[in-house]
Amino acid sequence: MTKPLWIKHAAQLVTLASDVKGPRTKEAMSNLGLIEDGSLWIEDGIIQAVGTTKELEKRYSEKLHEAEIVDAKNHLVTPGLVDPHTHVVYGGSREREFEMRLEGATYMDIMNAGGGIHATTRMTREATEDELIKQTTRRLDSFLAHGVTTIEGKSGYGMNLETELKQLRVMKKLQEQHVIDIVPTFMGAHAVPPEYKGREDEFVDHLIQDMLPVVAEEKLAEFNDVFCEKGVYTPEQSERILEAGKRFGLIPKIHADEIEPYGGAELAAKIGAISAEHLLKASEAGIKAMAKSGTIACLLPATALYLREEAAAGRKMIDEGVAVAISTDCNPGSSPTTSMPLVMNLACISMRLTPAEALTAATYNAACAINRQEQVGSLEVGKQADIVLWKTKNYQELQYLFGVNHVKSVWKKGIKVV
């Protein structure tokens, strides 16, 4: 049994506590549940009390001598960051494509030439489980150093049964080995495998009949995702895949409207997807449909920056009543970053979120996008003690001083890990 942990005198304690259940929208995204001179009492990895330092000092006066004490004076304390959209398990690297894009090639040009997702697919198919574990562990360590304590991870660099299962099994092993919690998503429909080019419907049949049943039987994923985009999967094919996943108990997610308006946001609302990702080109009708359905917009401003595209309309989505989460989209081709602090900065700069909204989008709403809001995403009694101590005095400074990792310390389930 570990000693109690008492974090006291935080200049600002961001709790994200609220009476609002489910993902936060509109004005609720600005309610950070701030406590000045804030304090947390943790036992056995679970938050037992939240309040001012004076309140907790009085409440636990007879146990203070037993506790490990952290003085957070002049520092900001927040929940551990949650990254709800990553492709963290993959083989190899694609730095040459970065140079190609700067020379004028587009994302689809590179993909159609055998690069892009197909290049990573080749390298991931060739990599052993041990090699993937070693590479992914380095990325997870970097996530942790940037204050991320929970991430979602997608398969999708196999697009055959063997490699998709390999990716998902790597995530399962890393969930046991690494301190970061990893939430798995099956994304066999990340692209059309080269061997199925011109026979896309045949691959959809194969995915539904041969891949989904095994993923479900081995309980390797909680979510099912598909890249609904012109030249990849049509809305009709995407709907078939996601509805099939629902029959196997997998919650639908969807890569939607990244390259051009394609009805992805509308489809996400129609099928009741927990989240729609990217949405750079989402239509006004699609945004309104998502607001009505409660589908979370998972926005990826670092990807837009890296591809030199205009970011998604985050400000408009919030104003329309869509719950917004943000993510690194960590992947080798279009967003090779593990910095959620940078993503929060970009959410403010390129999508016009306020500092409070960006923090909500990277914690509580992000947890909602992967169905983990009962465990993480806010600092409330009964939740996991996933906590970040920042070298800033307040949450505004965290977004104002952009491009810097301000993390001082991280606790995962009450254990100091950074």
Protein backbone atom coordinates (compact mmCIF):
# COMPACT_ATOMS: atom_id res chain seq x y z
CA MET A 1 0.00 0.00 0.00
CA THR A 2 1.51 3.33 -1.09
CA LYS A 3 1.60 6.49 0.96
CA PRO A 4 -1.20 9.00 0.36
CA LEU A 5 -0.27 11.80 -2.04
CA TRP A 6 -1.14 15.37 -1.12
CA ILE A 7 -0.72 18.02 -3.81
CA LYS A 8 -1.21 21.45 -2.26
CA HIS A 9 -1.01 25.17 -2.97
CA ALA A 10 -1.58 24.93 -6.74
CA ALA A 11 -1.82 28.47 -8.12
CA GLN A 12 -4.64 27.12 -10.28
CA LEU A 13 -6.14 23.65 -10.01
CA VAL A 14 -8.08 22.83 -13.17
CA THR A 15 -10.58 20.17 -12.13
CA LEU A 16 -12.96 20.16 -15.15
CA ALA A 17 -15.61 19.16 -12.62
CA SER A 18 -19.14 19.94 -13.75
CA ASP A 19 -22.74 18.89 -13.34
CA VAL A 20 -22.89 18.49 -17.14
CA LYS A 21 -22.75 14.81 -18.09
CA GLY A 22 -21.30 13.71 -21.38
CA PRO A 23 -19.13 15.84 -23.68
CA ARG A 24 -19.11 19.58 -23.06
CA THR A 25 -20.52 21.97 -25.66
CA LYS A 26 -20.75 25.73 -26.14
CA GLU A 27 -20.26 27.67 -22.87
CA ALA A 28 -19.67 24.48 -20.88
CA MET A 29 -16.35 24.06 -22.71
CA SER A 30 -15.09 27.17 -20.92
CA ASN A 31 -15.99 25.93 -17.43
CA LEU A 32 -12.69 24.57 -16.11
CA GLY A 33 -13.80 24.15 -12.51
CA LEU A 34 -10.87 26.30 -11.35
CA ILE A 35 -9.73 26.28 -7.73
CA GLU A 36 -7.10 28.80 -6.63
CA ASP A 37 -4.68 27.58 -3.97
CA GLY A 38 -6.02 24.17 -5.00
CA SER A 39 -5.32 20.80 -3.44
CA LEU A 40 -5.78 17.09 -4.15
CA TRP A 41 -5.68 14.10 -1.80
CA ILE A 42 -4.94 10.75 -3.45
CA GLU A 43 -4.89 7.24 -2.02
CA ASP A 44 -4.16 4.01 -3.92
CA GLY A 45 -4.16 5.86 -7.23
CA ILE A 46 -7.66 7.30 -6.78
CA ILE A 47 -8.62 10.91 -6.03
CA GLN A 48 -10.22 11.05 -2.58
CA ALA A 49 -10.74 14.79 -2.17
CA VAL A 50 -10.54 18.01 -4.19
CA GLY A 51 -10.65 21.51 -2.74
CA THR A 52 -8.61 24.39 -1.44
CA THR A 53 -5.42 23.69 0.48
CA LYS A 54 -7.00 25.03 3.64
CA GLU A 55 -10.03 22.71 3.26
CA LEU A 56 -7.97 19.56 2.73
CA GLU A 57 -5.43 20.49 5.40
CA LYS A 58 -8.27 20.64 7.91
CA ARG A 59 -9.97 17.48 6.63
CA TYR A 60 -6.82 15.34 6.70
CA SER A 61 -5.06 16.98 9.64
CA GLU A 62 -4.49 13.64 11.39
CA LYS A 63 -3.05 11.97 8.28
CA LEU A 64 -0.82 14.72 6.91
CA HIS A 65 2.30 13.18 8.47
CA GLU A 66 1.66 9.95 6.48
CA ALA A 67 1.46 11.64 3.07
CA GLU A 68 3.92 12.33 0.32
CA ILE A 69 3.58 16.10 -0.06
CA VAL A 70 3.98 18.04 -3.31
CA ASP A 71 4.04 21.81 -3.00
CA ALA A 72 2.62 23.17 -6.27
CA LYS A 73 2.98 26.84 -5.33
CA ASN A 74 3.09 29.11 -8.41
CA HIS A 75 2.25 26.17 -10.67
CA LEU A 76 -0.74 25.02 -12.72
CA VAL A 77 -2.21 21.55 -12.06
CA THR A 78 -4.52 19.85 -14.58
CA PRO A 79 -5.84 16.39 -15.42
CA GLY A 80 -3.52 14.22 -17.49
CA LEU A 81 -3.97 15.02 -21.18
CA VAL A 82 -5.93 12.55 -23.30
CA ASP A 83 -5.08 11.99 -26.97
CA PRO A 84 -8.18 10.49 -28.65
CA HIS A 85 -6.79 9.85 -32.16
CA THR A 86 -3.38 8.33 -32.89
CA HIS A 87 -1.77 5.87 -35.27
CA VAL A 88 1.00 5.26 -32.75
CA VAL A 89 1.88 1.67 -33.76
CA TYR A 90 3.69 1.58 -37.10
CA GLY A 91 6.94 0.52 -38.71
CA GLY A 92 9.55 2.70 -40.35
CA SER A 93 9.61 6.41 -41.14
CA ARG A 94 8.63 8.73 -44.02
CA GLU A 95 10.85 11.80 -43.78
CA ARG A 96 11.50 11.72 -47.55
CA GLU A 97 7.79 12.41 -48.17
CA PHE A 98 8.04 15.55 -46.05
CA GLU A 99 10.64 16.83 -48.50
CA MET A 100 8.49 15.76 -51.47
CA ARG A 101 5.53 17.76 -50.19
CA LEU A 102 7.73 20.82 -49.80
CA GLU A 103 8.73 20.31 -53.43
CA GLY A 104 5.06 20.40 -54.48
CA ALA A 105 3.64 16.87 -54.24
CA THR A 106 0.19 16.55 -52.64
CA TYR A 107 -0.90 13.98 -50.06
CA MET A 108 -2.88 12.06 -52.70
CA ASP A 109 -0.03 12.35 -55.26
CA ILE A 110 2.32 10.62 -52.81
CA MET A 111 -0.27 7.99 -51.91
CA ASN A 112 -1.09 7.20 -55.55
CA ALA A 113 2.64 6.77 -56.26
CA GLY A 114 2.87 3.99 -53.68
CA GLY A 115 3.89 6.21 -50.81
CA GLY A 116 1.80 7.51 -47.96
CA ILE A 117 -0.19 4.91 -46.07
CA HIS A 118 0.97 2.22 -48.51
CA ALA A 119 4.64 2.83 -47.66
CA THR A 120 3.98 2.50 -43.94
CA THR A 121 1.86 -0.57 -44.64
CA ARG A 122 4.82 -2.28 -46.31
CA MET A 123 7.14 -1.43 -43.43
CA THR A 124 4.61 -2.44 -40.78
CA ARG A 125 3.90 -5.75 -42.51
CA GLU A 126 7.64 -6.48 -42.50
CA ALA A 127 8.23 -5.50 -38.85
CA THR A 128 8.09 -8.08 -36.06
CA GLU A 129 5.96 -7.56 -32.96
CA ASP A 130 9.10 -6.95 -30.93
CA GLU A 131 10.30 -4.30 -33.38
CA LEU A 132 6.92 -2.55 -33.26
CA ILE A 133 6.89 -2.68 -29.46
CA LYS A 134 10.35 -1.10 -29.32
CA GLN A 135 9.46 1.71 -31.75
CA THR A 136 6.08 2.41 -30.16
CA THR A 137 7.52 2.48 -26.64
CA ARG A 138 9.74 5.40 -27.63
CA ARG A 139 6.69 7.30 -28.87
CA LEU A 140 4.71 6.51 -25.72
CA ASP A 141 7.59 7.76 -23.57
CA SER A 142 7.51 11.02 -25.53
CA PHE A 143 3.73 11.32 -25.12
CA LEU A 144 4.14 10.88 -21.38
CA ALA A 145 6.86 13.55 -21.22
CA HIS A 146 4.36 15.92 -22.87
CA GLY A 147 1.68 15.27 -20.23
CA VAL A 148 -0.39 12.62 -22.05
CA THR A 149 -1.58 9.82 -19.77
CA THR A 150 -4.21 8.14 -21.99
CA ILE A 151 -4.24 7.65 -25.75
CA GLU A 152 -6.32 5.98 -28.42
CA GLY A 153 -4.36 3.85 -30.90
CA LYS A 154 -5.56 2.70 -34.32
CA SER A 155 -4.49 -0.22 -36.42
CA GLY A 156 -4.70 0.37 -40.18
CA TYR A 157 -1.14 -0.09 -41.39
CA GLY A 158 -1.74 -3.72 -42.24
CA MET A 159 -4.94 -3.90 -44.23
CA ASN A 160 -4.57 -7.65 -44.08
CA LEU A 161 -5.69 -9.83 -41.23
CA GLU A 162 -2.20 -10.83 -40.08
CA THR A 163 -0.80 -7.32 -39.72
CA GLU A 164 -3.97 -5.72 -38.37
CA LEU A 165 -3.97 -8.33 -35.60
CA LYS A 166 -0.24 -7.76 -35.06
CA GLN A 167 -0.80 -4.04 -34.50
CA LEU A 168 -3.70 -4.62 -32.12
CA ARG A 169 -1.76 -7.28 -30.19
CA VAL A 170 1.15 -4.87 -29.83
CA MET A 171 -1.25 -2.35 -28.28
CA LYS A 172 -2.56 -5.00 -25.92
CA LYS A 173 0.96 -5.90 -24.80
CA LEU A 174 1.94 -2.26 -24.37
CA GLN A 175 -1.18 -1.65 -22.31
CA GLU A 176 0.29 -4.19 -19.88
CA GLN A 177 3.89 -2.95 -20.12
CA HIS A 178 3.63 0.85 -20.33
CA VAL A 179 2.12 3.27 -17.83
CA ILE A 180 0.05 5.06 -20.49
CA ASP A 181 -3.44 3.65 -20.96
CA ILE A 182 -3.99 2.65 -24.60
CA VAL A 183 -7.51 2.41 -26.00
CA PRO A 184 -7.55 0.27 -29.20
CA THR A 185 -9.38 1.00 -32.45
CA PHE A 186 -9.58 -1.35 -35.44
CA MET A 187 -9.05 0.52 -38.70
CA GLY A 188 -8.66 -2.12 -41.38
CA ALA A 189 -10.30 0.38 -43.74
CA HIS A 190 -7.51 2.95 -43.54
CA ALA A 191 -6.87 2.71 -47.29
CA VAL A 192 -7.56 0.21 -50.05
CA PRO A 193 -4.70 -2.33 -50.14
CA PRO A 194 -2.78 -2.19 -53.45
CA GLU A 195 -3.64 -5.82 -54.12
CA TYR A 196 -7.35 -4.88 -54.05
CA LYS A 197 -7.15 -1.78 -56.26
CA GLY A 198 -10.17 -1.79 -58.57
CA ARG A 199 -11.84 -4.41 -56.35
CA GLU A 200 -12.71 -2.17 -53.43
CA ASP A 201 -16.09 -3.78 -52.71
CA GLU A 202 -14.38 -7.16 -52.58
CA PHE A 203 -12.04 -5.86 -49.86
CA VAL A 204 -15.00 -4.42 -47.94
CA ASP A 205 -16.58 -7.89 -48.03
CA HIS A 206 -13.31 -9.46 -46.85
CA LEU A 207 -12.99 -6.95 -44.00
CA ILE A 208 -16.56 -7.55 -42.83
CA GLN A 209 -16.60 -11.33 -43.24
CA ASP A 210 -13.04 -12.31 -42.32
CA MET A 211 -11.40 -9.53 -40.27
CA LEU A 212 -14.06 -8.04 -38.01
CA PRO A 213 -15.11 -11.42 -36.52
CA VAL A 214 -11.54 -12.24 -35.43
CA VAL A 215 -10.94 -8.78 -33.95
CA ALA A 216 -14.16 -9.08 -31.99
CA GLU A 217 -13.56 -12.67 -30.90
CA GLU A 218 -10.10 -11.83 -29.53
CA LYS A 219 -11.45 -8.61 -27.95
CA LEU A 220 -8.63 -6.60 -29.49
CA ALA A 221 -10.53 -3.36 -30.13
CA GLU A 222 -13.30 -1.19 -28.73
CA PHE A 223 -13.84 1.02 -31.76
CA ASN A 224 -14.07 0.60 -35.54
CA ASP A 225 -12.85 3.38 -37.84
CA VAL A 226 -12.88 3.95 -41.60
CA PHE A 227 -11.33 6.54 -43.94
CA CYS A 228 -14.37 7.93 -45.76
CA GLU A 229 -12.82 9.99 -48.53
CA LYS A 230 -12.97 10.29 -52.31
CA GLY A 231 -10.52 7.76 -53.75
CA VAL A 232 -10.55 5.72 -50.52
CA TYR A 233 -13.95 4.53 -49.20
CA THR A 234 -17.30 5.91 -50.34
CA PRO A 235 -19.95 6.88 -47.79
CA GLU A 236 -21.89 3.73 -48.79
CA GLN A 237 -18.88 1.46 -48.25
CA SER A 238 -18.03 3.26 -45.01
CA GLU A 239 -21.56 2.80 -43.70
CA ARG A 240 -21.43 -0.93 -44.47
CA ILE A 241 -18.16 -1.33 -42.56
CA LEU A 242 -19.25 0.71 -39.56
CA GLU A 243 -22.66 -0.91 -39.29
CA ALA A 244 -21.00 -4.34 -39.47
CA GLY A 245 -18.66 -3.29 -36.68
CA LYS A 246 -21.64 -2.29 -34.53
CA ARG A 247 -23.02 -5.82 -34.91
CA PHE A 248 -19.75 -7.08 -33.43
CA GLY A 249 -19.96 -4.62 -30.53
CA LEU A 250 -17.45 -2.10 -31.91
CA ILE A 251 -18.31 1.57 -31.50
CA PRO A 252 -18.06 3.53 -34.78
CA LYS A 253 -15.60 6.33 -35.47
CA ILE A 254 -14.97 7.87 -38.88
CA HIS A 255 -12.18 9.78 -40.68
CA ALA A 256 -14.41 12.32 -42.40
CA ASP A 257 -14.19 15.17 -44.89
CA GLU A 258 -10.43 15.65 -44.63
CA ILE A 259 -9.57 16.29 -48.29
CA GLU A 260 -12.92 17.50 -49.65
CA PRO A 261 -16.59 17.61 -48.60
CA TYR A 262 -17.78 14.03 -48.98
CA GLY A 263 -20.70 13.58 -46.59
CA GLY A 264 -18.57 12.07 -43.84
CA ALA A 265 -19.88 14.32 -41.07
CA GLU A 266 -23.45 13.59 -42.15
CA LEU A 267 -22.71 9.86 -42.12
CA ALA A 268 -21.15 10.08 -38.64
CA ALA A 269 -24.36 11.67 -37.35
CA LYS A 270 -26.55 9.18 -39.19
CA ILE A 271 -24.90 6.06 -37.77
CA GLY A 272 -24.39 7.50 -34.28
CA ALA A 273 -20.58 7.54 -34.39
CA ILE A 274 -18.99 8.52 -31.09
CA SER A 275 -16.66 10.84 -33.01
CA ALA A 276 -15.80 12.10 -36.47
CA GLU A 277 -12.14 12.91 -37.11
CA HIS A 278 -10.37 15.57 -39.22
CA LEU A 279 -13.41 17.45 -40.67
CA LEU A 280 -11.31 20.10 -42.46
CA LYS A 281 -13.88 20.28 -45.25
CA ALA A 282 -17.04 19.38 -43.32
CA SER A 283 -20.18 20.98 -44.73
CA GLU A 284 -22.45 23.27 -42.76
CA ALA A 285 -25.17 20.62 -42.94
CA GLY A 286 -22.73 18.04 -41.59
CA ILE A 287 -21.74 20.26 -38.68
CA LYS A 288 -25.38 20.87 -37.77
CA ALA A 289 -26.12 17.14 -38.00
CA MET A 290 -23.24 16.33 -35.65
CA ALA A 291 -24.45 18.92 -33.15
CA LYS A 292 -27.87 17.27 -33.19
CA SER A 293 -26.56 13.70 -32.92
CA GLY A 294 -24.01 14.45 -30.19
CA THR A 295 -21.12 13.15 -32.30
CA ILE A 296 -17.84 14.60 -31.05
CA ALA A 297 -15.64 16.47 -33.54
CA CYS A 298 -12.08 15.23 -33.06
CA LEU A 299 -9.98 17.96 -34.66
CA LEU A 300 -6.32 17.62 -35.65
CA PRO A 301 -4.73 21.04 -36.12
CA ALA A 302 -1.15 19.71 -36.26
CA THR A 303 -2.08 17.61 -39.30
CA ALA A 304 -3.50 20.65 -41.08
CA LEU A 305 -0.34 22.60 -40.27
CA TYR A 306 1.94 19.79 -41.46
CA LEU A 307 0.03 19.41 -44.72
CA ARG A 308 -0.18 23.21 -45.09
CA GLU A 309 -3.98 23.09 -45.17
CA GLU A 310 -6.47 25.42 -43.54
CA ALA A 311 -7.46 24.01 -40.15
CA ALA A 312 -10.94 22.75 -39.38
CA ALA A 313 -13.58 25.28 -38.38
CA GLY A 314 -13.32 24.62 -34.66
CA ARG A 315 -14.76 27.98 -33.63
CA LYS A 316 -17.80 27.50 -35.85
CA MET A 317 -18.34 23.95 -34.60
CA ILE A 318 -18.36 25.04 -30.96
CA ASP A 319 -20.69 27.94 -31.72
CA GLU A 320 -23.03 25.50 -33.51
CA GLY A 321 -23.14 23.24 -30.44
CA VAL A 322 -20.70 20.50 -31.49
CA ALA A 323 -18.55 19.01 -28.72
CA VAL A 324 -14.92 19.42 -29.81
CA ALA A 325 -11.93 17.30 -28.85
CA ILE A 326 -8.39 17.72 -30.17
CA SER A 327 -5.57 15.27 -30.91
CA THR A 328 -2.05 14.97 -32.28
CA ASP A 329 -3.07 12.44 -34.96
CA CYS A 330 0.41 11.00 -34.30
CA ASN A 331 1.34 9.17 -37.51
CA PRO A 332 4.40 8.89 -39.77
CA GLY A 333 3.06 10.74 -42.80
CA SER A 334 0.95 13.75 -41.90
CA SER A 335 1.58 14.49 -38.22
CA PRO A 336 4.71 12.88 -36.75
CA THR A 337 4.35 14.58 -33.36
CA THR A 338 3.61 13.51 -29.80
CA SER A 339 3.10 17.04 -28.46
CA MET A 340 -0.42 17.63 -27.19
CA PRO A 341 0.72 20.98 -25.70
CA LEU A 342 1.55 22.11 -29.25
CA VAL A 343 -1.84 20.86 -30.44
CA MET A 344 -3.55 22.95 -27.75
CA ASN A 345 -1.56 25.99 -28.92
CA LEU A 346 -2.58 25.35 -32.53
CA ALA A 347 -6.23 24.90 -31.54
CA CYS A 348 -6.15 28.46 -30.25
CA ILE A 349 -4.05 29.96 -33.05
CA SER A 350 -5.48 28.21 -36.11
CA MET A 351 -9.01 27.24 -35.01
CA ARG A 352 -9.78 30.18 -32.68
CA LEU A 353 -10.55 28.10 -29.60
CA THR A 354 -10.05 29.95 -26.34
CA PRO A 355 -7.38 28.66 -23.92
CA ALA A 356 -10.10 27.19 -21.70
CA GLU A 357 -11.82 25.45 -24.63
CA ALA A 358 -8.52 24.01 -25.86
CA LEU A 359 -7.80 22.53 -22.43
CA THR A 360 -11.28 21.02 -22.21
CA ALA A 361 -10.84 19.60 -25.72
CA ALA A 362 -7.55 17.95 -24.69
CA THR A 363 -8.85 16.45 -21.44
CA TYR A 364 -12.51 15.86 -20.68
CA ASN A 365 -13.95 15.98 -24.21
CA ALA A 366 -11.04 13.89 -25.47
CA ALA A 367 -11.86 11.30 -22.80
CA CYS A 368 -15.49 11.32 -23.96
CA ALA A 369 -14.33 10.65 -27.54
CA ILE A 370 -12.86 7.32 -26.39
CA ASN A 371 -15.50 6.51 -23.77
CA ARG A 372 -13.15 7.04 -20.80
CA GLN A 373 -14.80 10.04 -19.13
CA GLU A 374 -15.76 7.98 -16.06
CA GLN A 375 -12.09 7.23 -15.35
CA VAL A 376 -10.02 10.16 -16.67
CA GLY A 377 -10.26 13.64 -18.18
CA SER A 378 -11.12 15.54 -15.00
CA LEU A 379 -9.92 15.71 -11.40
CA GLU A 380 -12.90 14.48 -9.40
CA VAL A 381 -13.40 12.18 -6.44
CA GLY A 382 -13.33 8.54 -7.51
CA LYS A 383 -11.37 9.07 -10.71
CA GLN A 384 -7.85 7.93 -11.54
CA ALA A 385 -5.18 10.26 -10.22
CA ASP A 386 -3.78 11.13 -13.68
CA ILE A 387 -2.29 14.56 -13.06
CA VAL A 388 0.07 17.05 -14.70
CA LEU A 389 2.02 19.75 -12.85
CA TRP A 390 2.99 22.52 -15.29
CA LYS A 391 5.73 25.15 -15.08
CA THR A 392 3.14 27.87 -15.68
CA LYS A 393 1.09 29.87 -13.20
CA ASN A 394 -2.23 29.64 -15.04
CA TYR A 395 -3.97 27.94 -17.95
CA GLN A 396 -3.79 31.03 -20.16
CA GLU A 397 0.01 31.02 -19.95
CA LEU A 398 0.01 27.37 -21.02
CA GLN A 399 -1.46 28.38 -24.39
CA TYR A 400 0.21 31.79 -24.64
CA LEU A 401 3.79 30.45 -24.50
CA PHE A 402 3.39 28.24 -27.54
CA GLY A 403 5.64 25.51 -28.91
CA VAL A 404 7.16 24.80 -25.49
CA ASN A 405 6.75 21.72 -23.32
CA HIS A 406 5.85 23.16 -19.91
CA VAL A 407 5.46 19.79 -18.15
CA LYS A 408 7.25 19.59 -14.80
CA SER A 409 5.78 16.39 -13.33
CA VAL A 410 3.24 13.73 -14.30
CA TRP A 411 1.43 11.24 -12.10
CA LYS A 412 -0.33 8.17 -13.48
CA LYS A 413 -2.75 6.54 -11.05
CA GLY A 414 -1.05 8.45 -8.26
CA ILE A 415 2.47 7.28 -9.16
CA LYS A 416 5.00 9.88 -10.31
CA VAL A 417 6.14 8.85 -13.80
CA VAL A 418 7.75 12.09 -15.09
